[in-house]
Amino acid sequence: MAKLKVYYDGACPRCVADRRRYQAFSTDSDDPVEWLDISGRDEELRRIGIDPYLALTELHVQDEQGRIHRELDAYILLLARTRRLKPLARLLALPGLKPLLSWCYRRWVLRRLRRSGRL
């Protein structure tokens, strides 16, 4: 498998903790992941087609073909790459569950950004 690039909010303690958790669970994978903190990368994000505001409010993952995956689709792609997290990826992708989880995710992110004064 080729390398994924994960664009995450390095100023978010929860996001940093999630990154560490993923790395701990992905020890069974030969698939390297490049983690890129979006802080101060607005021009770089725009060059690859990511709106900096959306990068702040949604996880973005760039696959080996250069396609950008957002929000839950990004999580699903990332989690499916490691054996121990693949069942969670399948759960997140369930048609009836995905819209609800997406709605909850957006609410949580906006609340987090408001509380931190970054929205």
C-alpha atoms as a PDB file:
ATOM      1  CA  MET A   1       0.000   0.000   0.000  1.00  0.00           C
ATOM      2  CA  ALA A   2       1.161   3.530  -0.716  1.00  0.00           C
ATOM      3  CA  LYS A   3       1.521   6.270   1.854  1.00  0.00           C
ATOM      4  CA  LEU A   4      -1.471   8.284   3.000  1.00  0.00           C
ATOM      5  CA  LYS A   5      -1.142  11.943   3.960  1.00  0.00           C
ATOM      6  CA  VAL A   6      -3.310  12.932   6.896  1.00  0.00           C
ATOM      7  CA  TYR A   7      -4.034  16.638   7.406  1.00  0.00           C
ATOM      8  CA  TYR A   8      -5.005  17.172  11.025  1.00  0.00           C
ATOM      9  CA  ASP A   9      -5.356  20.043  13.506  1.00  0.00           C
ATOM     10  CA  GLY A  10      -2.184  19.933  15.585  1.00  0.00           C
ATOM     11  CA  ALA A  11      -3.561  22.671  17.859  1.00  0.00           C
ATOM     12  CA  CYS A  12      -6.372  20.346  18.958  1.00  0.00           C
ATOM     13  CA  PRO A  13      -5.396  18.196  21.955  1.00  0.00           C
ATOM     14  CA  ARG A  14      -8.040  15.592  21.056  1.00  0.00           C
ATOM     15  CA  CYS A  15      -6.777  15.414  17.461  1.00  0.00           C
ATOM     16  CA  VAL A  16      -3.200  14.917  18.656  1.00  0.00           C
ATOM     17  CA  ALA A  17      -4.365  12.202  21.070  1.00  0.00           C
ATOM     18  CA  ASP A  18      -6.315  10.495  18.255  1.00  0.00           C
ATOM     19  CA  ARG A  19      -3.170  10.553  16.105  1.00  0.00           C
ATOM     20  CA  ARG A  20      -1.160   8.891  18.881  1.00  0.00           C
ATOM     21  CA  ARG A  21      -3.864   6.270  19.387  1.00  0.00           C
ATOM     22  CA  TYR A  22      -3.923   5.482  15.677  1.00  0.00           C
ATOM     23  CA  GLN A  23      -0.146   5.137  15.622  1.00  0.00           C
ATOM     24  CA  ALA A  24      -0.279   2.736  18.583  1.00  0.00           C
ATOM     25  CA  PHE A  25      -2.923   0.608  16.841  1.00  0.00           C
ATOM     26  CA  SER A  26      -1.209   0.673  13.463  1.00  0.00           C
ATOM     27  CA  THR A  27       1.908  -1.208  14.508  1.00  0.00           C
ATOM     28  CA  ASP A  28       0.556  -4.187  12.558  1.00  0.00           C
ATOM     29  CA  SER A  29       0.577  -2.215   9.314  1.00  0.00           C
ATOM     30  CA  ASP A  30       3.374  -1.837   6.764  1.00  0.00           C
ATOM     31  CA  ASP A  31       1.520   1.215   5.527  1.00  0.00           C
ATOM     32  CA  PRO A  32       3.283   4.415   6.480  1.00  0.00           C
ATOM     33  CA  VAL A  33       1.147   7.456   7.177  1.00  0.00           C
ATOM     34  CA  GLU A  34       2.473  10.979   6.870  1.00  0.00           C
ATOM     35  CA  TRP A  35       0.861  13.279   9.435  1.00  0.00           C
ATOM     36  CA  LEU A  36       0.735  16.959   8.481  1.00  0.00           C
ATOM     37  CA  ASP A  37      -0.341  19.609  10.960  1.00  0.00           C
ATOM     38  CA  ILE A  38      -2.531  22.114   9.093  1.00  0.00           C
ATOM     39  CA  SER A  39      -1.418  25.033  11.294  1.00  0.00           C
ATOM     40  CA  GLY A  40       0.146  27.731   9.116  1.00  0.00           C
ATOM     41  CA  ARG A  41      -0.241  25.722   5.896  1.00  0.00           C
ATOM     42  CA  ASP A  42      -3.090  27.639   4.256  1.00  0.00           C
ATOM     43  CA  GLU A  43      -1.297  28.156   0.927  1.00  0.00           C
ATOM     44  CA  GLU A  44      -0.126  24.545   0.758  1.00  0.00           C
ATOM     45  CA  LEU A  45      -3.659  23.352   1.505  1.00  0.00           C
ATOM     46  CA  ARG A  46      -5.129  25.577  -1.219  1.00  0.00           C
ATOM     47  CA  ARG A  47      -2.569  24.291  -3.748  1.00  0.00           C
ATOM     48  CA  ILE A  48      -3.827  20.733  -3.285  1.00  0.00           C
ATOM     49  CA  GLY A  49      -7.485  21.759  -3.277  1.00  0.00           C
ATOM     50  CA  ILE A  50      -8.276  21.856   0.440  1.00  0.00           C
ATOM     51  CA  ASP A  51     -10.087  24.891   1.821  1.00  0.00           C
ATOM     52  CA  PRO A  52      -8.220  25.927   5.019  1.00  0.00           C
ATOM     53  CA  TYR A  53     -11.501  26.477   6.895  1.00  0.00           C
ATOM     54  CA  LEU A  54     -12.701  22.984   5.953  1.00  0.00           C
ATOM     55  CA  ALA A  55      -9.300  21.585   6.965  1.00  0.00           C
ATOM     56  CA  LEU A  56      -9.969  23.024  10.409  1.00  0.00           C
ATOM     57  CA  THR A  57     -13.459  21.549  10.643  1.00  0.00           C
ATOM     58  CA  GLU A  58     -12.945  18.158   8.932  1.00  0.00           C
ATOM     59  CA  LEU A  59     -10.185  15.575   8.800  1.00  0.00           C
ATOM     60  CA  HIS A  60      -8.667  15.345   5.314  1.00  0.00           C
ATOM     61  CA  VAL A  61      -6.668  12.404   3.944  1.00  0.00           C
ATOM     62  CA  GLN A  62      -4.886  12.344   0.608  1.00  0.00           C
ATOM     63  CA  ASP A  63      -4.649   8.858  -0.894  1.00  0.00           C
ATOM     64  CA  GLU A  64      -1.868   7.444  -3.050  1.00  0.00           C
ATOM     65  CA  GLN A  65      -3.559   8.737  -6.234  1.00  0.00           C
ATOM     66  CA  GLY A  66      -3.700  12.272  -4.833  1.00  0.00           C
ATOM     67  CA  ARG A  67      -7.467  12.212  -4.177  1.00  0.00           C
ATOM     68  CA  ILE A  68      -8.665  14.052  -1.091  1.00  0.00           C
ATOM     69  CA  HIS A  69     -11.098  12.307   1.270  1.00  0.00           C
ATOM     70  CA  ARG A  70     -12.947  14.355   3.899  1.00  0.00           C
ATOM     71  CA  GLU A  71     -14.618  13.884   7.243  1.00  0.00           C
ATOM     72  CA  LEU A  72     -15.861  10.316   7.887  1.00  0.00           C
ATOM     73  CA  ASP A  73     -14.660   9.115   4.486  1.00  0.00           C
ATOM     74  CA  ALA A  74     -11.165  10.197   5.559  1.00  0.00           C
ATOM     75  CA  TYR A  75     -11.482   8.332   8.856  1.00  0.00           C
ATOM     76  CA  ILE A  76     -12.798   5.228   7.100  1.00  0.00           C
ATOM     77  CA  LEU A  77      -9.880   5.220   4.655  1.00  0.00           C
ATOM     78  CA  LEU A  78      -7.359   5.717   7.443  1.00  0.00           C
ATOM     79  CA  LEU A  79      -8.828   3.126   9.832  1.00  0.00           C
ATOM     80  CA  ALA A  80      -9.282   0.510   7.108  1.00  0.00           C
ATOM     81  CA  ARG A  81      -5.518   0.480   6.509  1.00  0.00           C
ATOM     82  CA  THR A  82      -4.752  -1.264   9.770  1.00  0.00           C
ATOM     83  CA  ARG A  83      -5.979  -4.722  10.724  1.00  0.00           C
ATOM     84  CA  ARG A  84      -6.979  -3.849  14.283  1.00  0.00           C
ATOM     85  CA  LEU A  85      -9.074  -0.827  13.256  1.00  0.00           C
ATOM     86  CA  LYS A  86     -10.662  -2.270  10.105  1.00  0.00           C
ATOM     87  CA  PRO A  87     -13.841  -3.386  11.967  1.00  0.00           C
ATOM     88  CA  LEU A  88     -14.351   0.183  13.171  1.00  0.00           C
ATOM     89  CA  ALA A  89     -13.960   1.453   9.598  1.00  0.00           C
ATOM     90  CA  ARG A  90     -16.676  -0.964   8.470  1.00  0.00           C
ATOM     91  CA  LEU A  91     -18.957   0.205  11.270  1.00  0.00           C
ATOM     92  CA  LEU A  92     -18.454   3.882  10.373  1.00  0.00           C
ATOM     93  CA  ALA A  93     -19.314   3.125   6.753  1.00  0.00           C
ATOM     94  CA  LEU A  94     -22.709   1.573   7.474  1.00  0.00           C
ATOM     95  CA  PRO A  95     -25.281   3.454   5.365  1.00  0.00           C
ATOM     96  CA  GLY A  96     -27.715   4.054   8.214  1.00  0.00           C
ATOM     97  CA  LEU A  97     -25.060   5.047  10.711  1.00  0.00           C
ATOM     98  CA  LYS A  98     -22.746   7.212   8.606  1.00  0.00           C
ATOM     99  CA  PRO A  99     -25.084  10.255   8.273  1.00  0.00           C
ATOM    100  CA  LEU A 100     -25.768  10.304  12.012  1.00  0.00           C
ATOM    101  CA  LEU A 101     -22.087  10.002  12.905  1.00  0.00           C
ATOM    102  CA  SER A 102     -21.241  12.707  10.384  1.00  0.00           C
ATOM    103  CA  TRP A 103     -23.777  15.064  11.969  1.00  0.00           C
ATOM    104  CA  CYS A 104     -22.402  14.331  15.466  1.00  0.00           C
ATOM    105  CA  TYR A 105     -18.822  14.819  14.274  1.00  0.00           C
ATOM    106  CA  ARG A 106     -19.593  18.241  12.753  1.00  0.00           C
ATOM    107  CA  ARG A 107     -21.367  19.382  15.941  1.00  0.00           C
ATOM    108  CA  TRP A 108     -18.476  18.249  18.120  1.00  0.00           C
ATOM    109  CA  VAL A 109     -15.856  19.994  15.947  1.00  0.00           C
ATOM    110  CA  LEU A 110     -17.761  23.287  15.793  1.00  0.00           C
ATOM    111  CA  ARG A 111     -18.296  23.238  19.561  1.00  0.00           C
ATOM    112  CA  ARG A 112     -14.581  22.533  20.117  1.00  0.00           C
ATOM    113  CA  LEU A 113     -13.556  25.398  17.837  1.00  0.00           C
ATOM    114  CA  ARG A 114     -16.001  27.827  19.488  1.00  0.00           C
ATOM    115  CA  ARG A 115     -14.768  26.924  22.980  1.00  0.00           C
ATOM    116  CA  SER A 116     -11.166  27.449  21.967  1.00  0.00           C
ATOM    117  CA  GLY A 117     -11.985  30.761  20.227  1.00  0.00           C
ATOM    118  CA  ARG A 118     -10.734  29.491  16.869  1.00  0.00           C
ATOM    119  CA  LEU A 119     -14.017  29.635  14.945  1.00  0.00           C
END
